[in-house]
Amino acid sequence: MTVEIVVEVQKLDINNGMKIGDRVRVKESVVVYHHPEHRNQAFDIKGTEGEISAIVTQWEGRPVSANFPVLVKFDKRFKAHLREGELEVI
């Protein structure tokens, strides 16, 4: 596959109904260690709601295949990169 085809396939898979600005909820158990109120401790964000602020398909102008392509902003101080399968649109 060429790079252009891979990028188009990624766009189709990633944008499967989700777009920047959508309100989403974490539907699976996802443990993070960078939550501002629980710094350096395991914290499960299942059920937490936020807004999609970016869908990563490029970095410095080059196409990438990000493992966690959806950037969700939960509050002013907390963002996380997640997989699309870990989220549901609300």
C-alpha atoms as a PDB file:
ATOM      1  CA  MET A   1       0.000   0.000   0.000  1.00  0.00           C
ATOM      2  CA  THR A   2       1.175   3.479  -0.701  1.00  0.00           C
ATOM      3  CA  VAL A   3       1.286   6.140   1.993  1.00  0.00           C
ATOM      4  CA  GLU A   4      -1.678   8.026   0.478  1.00  0.00           C
ATOM      5  CA  ILE A   5      -3.891   4.928   0.550  1.00  0.00           C
ATOM      6  CA  VAL A   6      -2.901   4.139   4.139  1.00  0.00           C
ATOM      7  CA  VAL A   7      -3.756   7.701   5.207  1.00  0.00           C
ATOM      8  CA  GLU A   8      -7.157   7.542   3.484  1.00  0.00           C
ATOM      9  CA  VAL A   9      -7.919   4.200   5.140  1.00  0.00           C
ATOM     10  CA  GLN A  10      -6.928   5.675   8.511  1.00  0.00           C
ATOM     11  CA  LYS A  11      -9.192   8.661   7.967  1.00  0.00           C
ATOM     12  CA  LEU A  12     -12.109   6.386   7.177  1.00  0.00           C
ATOM     13  CA  ASP A  13     -11.469   4.206  10.237  1.00  0.00           C
ATOM     14  CA  ILE A  14     -10.841   7.064  12.644  1.00  0.00           C
ATOM     15  CA  ASN A  15     -13.690   9.327  11.559  1.00  0.00           C
ATOM     16  CA  ASN A  16     -16.226   6.540  11.935  1.00  0.00           C
ATOM     17  CA  GLY A  17     -18.906   8.990  13.095  1.00  0.00           C
ATOM     18  CA  MET A  18     -16.649  11.047  15.383  1.00  0.00           C
ATOM     19  CA  LYS A  19     -15.488  14.555  14.631  1.00  0.00           C
ATOM     20  CA  ILE A  20     -13.808  17.442  16.396  1.00  0.00           C
ATOM     21  CA  GLY A  21     -16.199  19.123  18.821  1.00  0.00           C
ATOM     22  CA  ASP A  22     -18.279  16.006  19.581  1.00  0.00           C
ATOM     23  CA  ARG A  23     -19.116  15.305  23.237  1.00  0.00           C
ATOM     24  CA  VAL A  24     -17.930  11.821  24.173  1.00  0.00           C
ATOM     25  CA  ARG A  25     -17.914   9.486  27.164  1.00  0.00           C
ATOM     26  CA  VAL A  26     -15.242   6.904  27.992  1.00  0.00           C
ATOM     27  CA  LYS A  27     -17.129   3.601  27.759  1.00  0.00           C
ATOM     28  CA  GLU A  28     -14.325   1.183  28.689  1.00  0.00           C
ATOM     29  CA  SER A  29     -12.003   1.012  31.661  1.00  0.00           C
ATOM     30  CA  VAL A  30      -8.996   3.215  30.855  1.00  0.00           C
ATOM     31  CA  VAL A  31      -6.349   3.740  33.527  1.00  0.00           C
ATOM     32  CA  VAL A  32      -4.252   6.919  33.320  1.00  0.00           C
ATOM     33  CA  TYR A  33      -1.431   8.214  35.500  1.00  0.00           C
ATOM     34  CA  HIS A  34      -1.506  11.873  34.454  1.00  0.00           C
ATOM     35  CA  HIS A  35      -4.861  13.031  35.852  1.00  0.00           C
ATOM     36  CA  PRO A  36      -4.217  16.358  37.647  1.00  0.00           C
ATOM     37  CA  GLU A  37      -6.034  15.350  40.849  1.00  0.00           C
ATOM     38  CA  HIS A  38      -4.430  11.884  40.991  1.00  0.00           C
ATOM     39  CA  ARG A  39      -0.915  12.577  39.726  1.00  0.00           C
ATOM     40  CA  ASN A  40       1.339   9.473  39.486  1.00  0.00           C
ATOM     41  CA  GLN A  41      -1.477   7.228  40.743  1.00  0.00           C
ATOM     42  CA  ALA A  42      -3.612   4.821  38.727  1.00  0.00           C
ATOM     43  CA  PHE A  43      -6.955   6.482  37.982  1.00  0.00           C
ATOM     44  CA  ASP A  44      -9.750   4.915  35.903  1.00  0.00           C
ATOM     45  CA  ILE A  45     -11.519   7.467  33.669  1.00  0.00           C
ATOM     46  CA  LYS A  46     -14.406   5.158  32.675  1.00  0.00           C
ATOM     47  CA  GLY A  47     -17.606   7.217  32.475  1.00  0.00           C
ATOM     48  CA  THR A  48     -15.776  10.541  32.221  1.00  0.00           C
ATOM     49  CA  GLU A  49     -17.179  12.957  29.637  1.00  0.00           C
ATOM     50  CA  GLY A  50     -15.257  15.361  27.441  1.00  0.00           C
ATOM     51  CA  GLU A  51     -14.973  16.917  23.997  1.00  0.00           C
ATOM     52  CA  ILE A  52     -12.906  15.755  21.041  1.00  0.00           C
ATOM     53  CA  SER A  53     -10.289  18.442  20.431  1.00  0.00           C
ATOM     54  CA  ALA A  54      -8.258  16.688  17.695  1.00  0.00           C
ATOM     55  CA  ILE A  55      -8.034  13.565  15.581  1.00  0.00           C
ATOM     56  CA  VAL A  56      -4.372  12.873  14.893  1.00  0.00           C
ATOM     57  CA  THR A  57      -3.633  11.835  11.306  1.00  0.00           C
ATOM     58  CA  GLN A  58      -0.570  14.007  10.653  1.00  0.00           C
ATOM     59  CA  TRP A  59       2.503  15.145  12.556  1.00  0.00           C
ATOM     60  CA  GLU A  60       4.689  17.946  11.203  1.00  0.00           C
ATOM     61  CA  GLY A  61       2.933  17.600   7.848  1.00  0.00           C
ATOM     62  CA  ARG A  62       3.612  13.873   7.516  1.00  0.00           C
ATOM     63  CA  PRO A  63       0.948  11.171   7.793  1.00  0.00           C
ATOM     64  CA  VAL A  64       1.096   9.041  10.943  1.00  0.00           C
ATOM     65  CA  SER A  65      -0.690   5.959  12.190  1.00  0.00           C
ATOM     66  CA  ALA A  66      -1.277   6.971  15.789  1.00  0.00           C
ATOM     67  CA  ASN A  67      -2.131   4.201  18.263  1.00  0.00           C
ATOM     68  CA  PHE A  68      -4.341   6.603  20.233  1.00  0.00           C
ATOM     69  CA  PRO A  69      -5.566   9.034  17.549  1.00  0.00           C
ATOM     70  CA  VAL A  70      -8.441  10.790  19.350  1.00  0.00           C
ATOM     71  CA  LEU A  71      -7.435  13.653  21.668  1.00  0.00           C
ATOM     72  CA  VAL A  72     -10.171  14.346  24.221  1.00  0.00           C
ATOM     73  CA  LYS A  73     -10.253  17.404  26.474  1.00  0.00           C
ATOM     74  CA  PHE A  74     -12.029  16.514  29.705  1.00  0.00           C
ATOM     75  CA  ASP A  75     -11.503  19.768  31.583  1.00  0.00           C
ATOM     76  CA  LYS A  76      -9.191  22.758  31.551  1.00  0.00           C
ATOM     77  CA  ARG A  77      -6.212  20.803  32.925  1.00  0.00           C
ATOM     78  CA  PHE A  78      -6.817  17.244  31.662  1.00  0.00           C
ATOM     79  CA  LYS A  79      -6.527  15.849  28.131  1.00  0.00           C
ATOM     80  CA  ALA A  80      -5.923  12.289  26.998  1.00  0.00           C
ATOM     81  CA  HIS A  81      -5.255  10.440  23.743  1.00  0.00           C
ATOM     82  CA  LEU A  82      -7.658   7.527  23.344  1.00  0.00           C
ATOM     83  CA  ARG A  83      -8.732   4.914  20.812  1.00  0.00           C
ATOM     84  CA  GLU A  84     -12.058   5.385  19.075  1.00  0.00           C
ATOM     85  CA  GLY A  85     -13.304   2.067  20.486  1.00  0.00           C
ATOM     86  CA  GLU A  86     -12.886   3.385  24.033  1.00  0.00           C
ATOM     87  CA  LEU A  87     -15.337   6.246  23.404  1.00  0.00           C
ATOM     88  CA  GLU A  88     -19.015   6.735  22.676  1.00  0.00           C
ATOM     89  CA  VAL A  89     -20.610   9.877  21.263  1.00  0.00           C
ATOM     90  CA  ILE A  90     -23.218  11.413  23.579  1.00  0.00           C
END
